[in-house]
C-alpha atoms as a PDB file:
ATOM      1  CA  UNK A   1      74.392 134.107 142.907  1.00  0.00           C
ATOM      2  CA  UNK A   2      77.026 134.517 145.638  1.00  0.00           C
ATOM      3  CA  UNK A   3      75.958 135.250 149.179  1.00  0.00           C
ATOM      4  CA  UNK A   4      75.934 138.837 150.370  1.00  0.00           C
ATOM      5  CA  UNK A   5      75.884 140.405 153.794  1.00  0.00           C
ATOM      6  CA  UNK A   6      78.082 141.699 156.567  1.00  0.00           C
ATOM      7  CA  UNK A   7      81.637 140.393 156.203  1.00  0.00           C
ATOM      8  CA  UNK A   8      80.858 138.404 153.037  1.00  0.00           C
ATOM      9  CA  UNK A   9      83.104 139.237 150.067  1.00  0.00           C
ATOM     10  CA  UNK A  10      82.413 137.603 146.691  1.00  0.00           C
ATOM     11  CA  UNK A  11      80.311 134.957 148.435  1.00  0.00           C
ATOM     12  CA  UNK A  12      83.051 134.124 150.964  1.00  0.00           C
ATOM     13  CA  UNK A  13      82.947 134.656 154.730  1.00  0.00           C
ATOM     14  CA  UNK A  14      86.184 134.241 156.681  1.00  0.00           C
ATOM     15  CA  UNK A  15      84.858 133.116 160.052  1.00  0.00           C
ATOM     16  CA  UNK A  16      86.752 132.878 163.333  1.00  0.00           C
ATOM     17  CA  UNK A  17      85.499 130.880 166.295  1.00  0.00           C
ATOM     18  CA  UNK A  18      86.641 131.091 169.896  1.00  0.00           C
ATOM     19  CA  UNK A  19      87.251 127.359 170.413  1.00  0.00           C
ATOM     20  CA  UNK A  20      90.673 125.789 169.899  1.00  0.00           C
ATOM     21  CA  UNK A  21      90.356 123.446 166.920  1.00  0.00           C
ATOM     22  CA  UNK A  22      93.757 121.693 166.953  1.00  0.00           C
ATOM     23  CA  UNK A  23      93.213 117.938 167.272  1.00  0.00           C
ATOM     24  CA  UNK A  24      89.419 118.236 167.313  1.00  0.00           C
ATOM     25  CA  UNK A  25      87.323 116.103 164.968  1.00  0.00           C
ATOM     26  CA  UNK A  26      85.906 117.742 161.871  1.00  0.00           C
ATOM     27  CA  UNK A  27      82.383 116.952 163.076  1.00  0.00           C
ATOM     28  CA  UNK A  28      82.970 118.804 166.342  1.00  0.00           C
ATOM     29  CA  UNK A  29      84.397 121.854 164.577  1.00  0.00           C
ATOM     30  CA  UNK A  30      81.577 121.702 162.038  1.00  0.00           C
ATOM     31  CA  UNK A  31      79.099 121.972 164.909  1.00  0.00           C
ATOM     32  CA  UNK A  32      80.882 125.002 166.361  1.00  0.00           C
ATOM     33  CA  UNK A  33      80.963 126.742 162.979  1.00  0.00           C
ATOM     34  CA  UNK A  34      77.302 125.969 162.301  1.00  0.00           C
ATOM     35  CA  UNK A  35      76.297 127.356 165.710  1.00  0.00           C
ATOM     36  CA  UNK A  36      78.168 130.595 165.081  1.00  0.00           C
ATOM     37  CA  UNK A  37      76.694 130.957 161.592  1.00  0.00           C
ATOM     38  CA  UNK A  38      73.193 130.304 162.914  1.00  0.00           C
ATOM     39  CA  UNK A  39      73.761 133.054 165.482  1.00  0.00           C
ATOM     40  CA  UNK A  40      74.585 135.384 162.581  1.00  0.00           C
ATOM     41  CA  UNK A  41      71.358 134.422 160.788  1.00  0.00           C
ATOM     42  CA  UNK A  42      73.070 132.192 158.221  1.00  0.00           C
ATOM     43  CA  UNK A  43      71.146 128.911 158.159  1.00  0.00           C
ATOM     44  CA  UNK A  44      70.259 126.108 155.778  1.00  0.00           C
ATOM     45  CA  UNK A  45      67.094 128.055 154.996  1.00  0.00           C
ATOM     46  CA  UNK A  46      69.097 131.092 153.883  1.00  0.00           C
ATOM     47  CA  UNK A  47      71.613 129.317 151.628  1.00  0.00           C
ATOM     48  CA  UNK A  48      71.632 126.858 148.747  1.00  0.00           C
ATOM     49  CA  UNK A  49      75.224 125.685 149.189  1.00  0.00           C
ATOM     50  CA  UNK A  50      77.646 126.191 152.059  1.00  0.00           C
ATOM     51  CA  UNK A  51      81.247 124.992 151.948  1.00  0.00           C
ATOM     52  CA  UNK A  52      83.268 124.853 155.165  1.00  0.00           C
ATOM     53  CA  UNK A  53      87.046 124.843 154.757  1.00  0.00           C
ATOM     54  CA  UNK A  54      88.575 123.781 158.069  1.00  0.00           C
ATOM     55  CA  UNK A  55      92.227 124.256 159.133  1.00  0.00           C
ATOM     56  CA  UNK A  56      94.849 121.564 158.643  1.00  0.00           C
ATOM     57  CA  UNK A  57      95.107 120.794 162.355  1.00  0.00           C
ATOM     58  CA  UNK A  58      91.485 119.556 162.462  1.00  0.00           C
ATOM     59  CA  UNK A  59      91.194 115.760 162.349  1.00  0.00           C
ATOM     60  CA  UNK A  60      89.385 114.399 159.303  1.00  0.00           C
ATOM     61  CA  UNK A  61      90.134 110.763 160.109  1.00  0.00           C
ATOM     62  CA  UNK A  62      91.909 110.223 156.798  1.00  0.00           C
ATOM     63  CA  UNK A  63      89.251 111.866 154.607  1.00  0.00           C
ATOM     64  CA  UNK A  64      89.840 114.890 152.394  1.00  0.00           C
ATOM     65  CA  UNK A  65      86.244 116.110 152.648  1.00  0.00           C
ATOM     66  CA  UNK A  66      82.687 114.970 153.188  1.00  0.00           C
ATOM     67  CA  UNK A  67      79.201 116.044 152.242  1.00  0.00           C
ATOM     68  CA  UNK A  68      75.674 115.026 153.081  1.00  0.00           C
ATOM     69  CA  UNK A  69      73.220 113.595 150.552  1.00  0.00           C
ATOM     70  CA  UNK A  70      70.586 116.136 149.479  1.00  0.00           C
ATOM     71  CA  UNK A  71      72.130 118.749 151.744  1.00  0.00           C
ATOM     72  CA  UNK A  72      73.392 122.292 151.440  1.00  0.00           C
ATOM     73  CA  UNK A  73      76.642 121.511 153.322  1.00  0.00           C
ATOM     74  CA  UNK A  74      80.041 120.154 152.339  1.00  0.00           C
ATOM     75  CA  UNK A  75      83.116 120.203 154.595  1.00  0.00           C
ATOM     76  CA  UNK A  76      86.705 120.264 153.336  1.00  0.00           C
ATOM     77  CA  UNK A  77      90.118 119.903 154.915  1.00  0.00           C
ATOM     78  CA  UNK A  78      91.969 123.042 153.806  1.00  0.00           C
ATOM     79  CA  UNK A  79      94.712 121.045 152.068  1.00  0.00           C
ATOM     80  CA  UNK A  80      92.110 119.692 149.607  1.00  0.00           C
ATOM     81  CA  UNK A  81      89.718 122.624 149.311  1.00  0.00           C
ATOM     82  CA  UNK A  82      91.062 123.578 145.896  1.00  0.00           C
ATOM     83  CA  UNK A  83      91.807 120.061 144.625  1.00  0.00           C
ATOM     84  CA  UNK A  84      89.636 119.508 141.558  1.00  0.00           C
ATOM     85  CA  UNK A  85      89.496 115.723 142.076  1.00  0.00           C
ATOM     86  CA  UNK A  86      88.043 116.233 145.559  1.00  0.00           C
ATOM     87  CA  UNK A  87      85.692 119.036 144.545  1.00  0.00           C
ATOM     88  CA  UNK A  88      84.219 117.055 141.637  1.00  0.00           C
ATOM     89  CA  UNK A  89      83.422 114.070 143.837  1.00  0.00           C
ATOM     90  CA  UNK A  90      81.539 116.159 146.350  1.00  0.00           C
END
């Protein structure tokens, strides 16, 4: 069942953060996004799966995406967020 709540449409939340992300590592931006979501009450306890799609100017160090084992979170570089080969491997 898709998430619901303020600003969430069909399970998708388009989130803006105040930090400049250009050239930042994906892990750094992931932390900023997670902090903002937590402040909105969206946490690992309130979701089964969360997919972050980060802008193209974020540094992924050559990766297309990454996920954590037994975790609710996967993080994608926007260029690959709709690539079936990447999505299936995550």
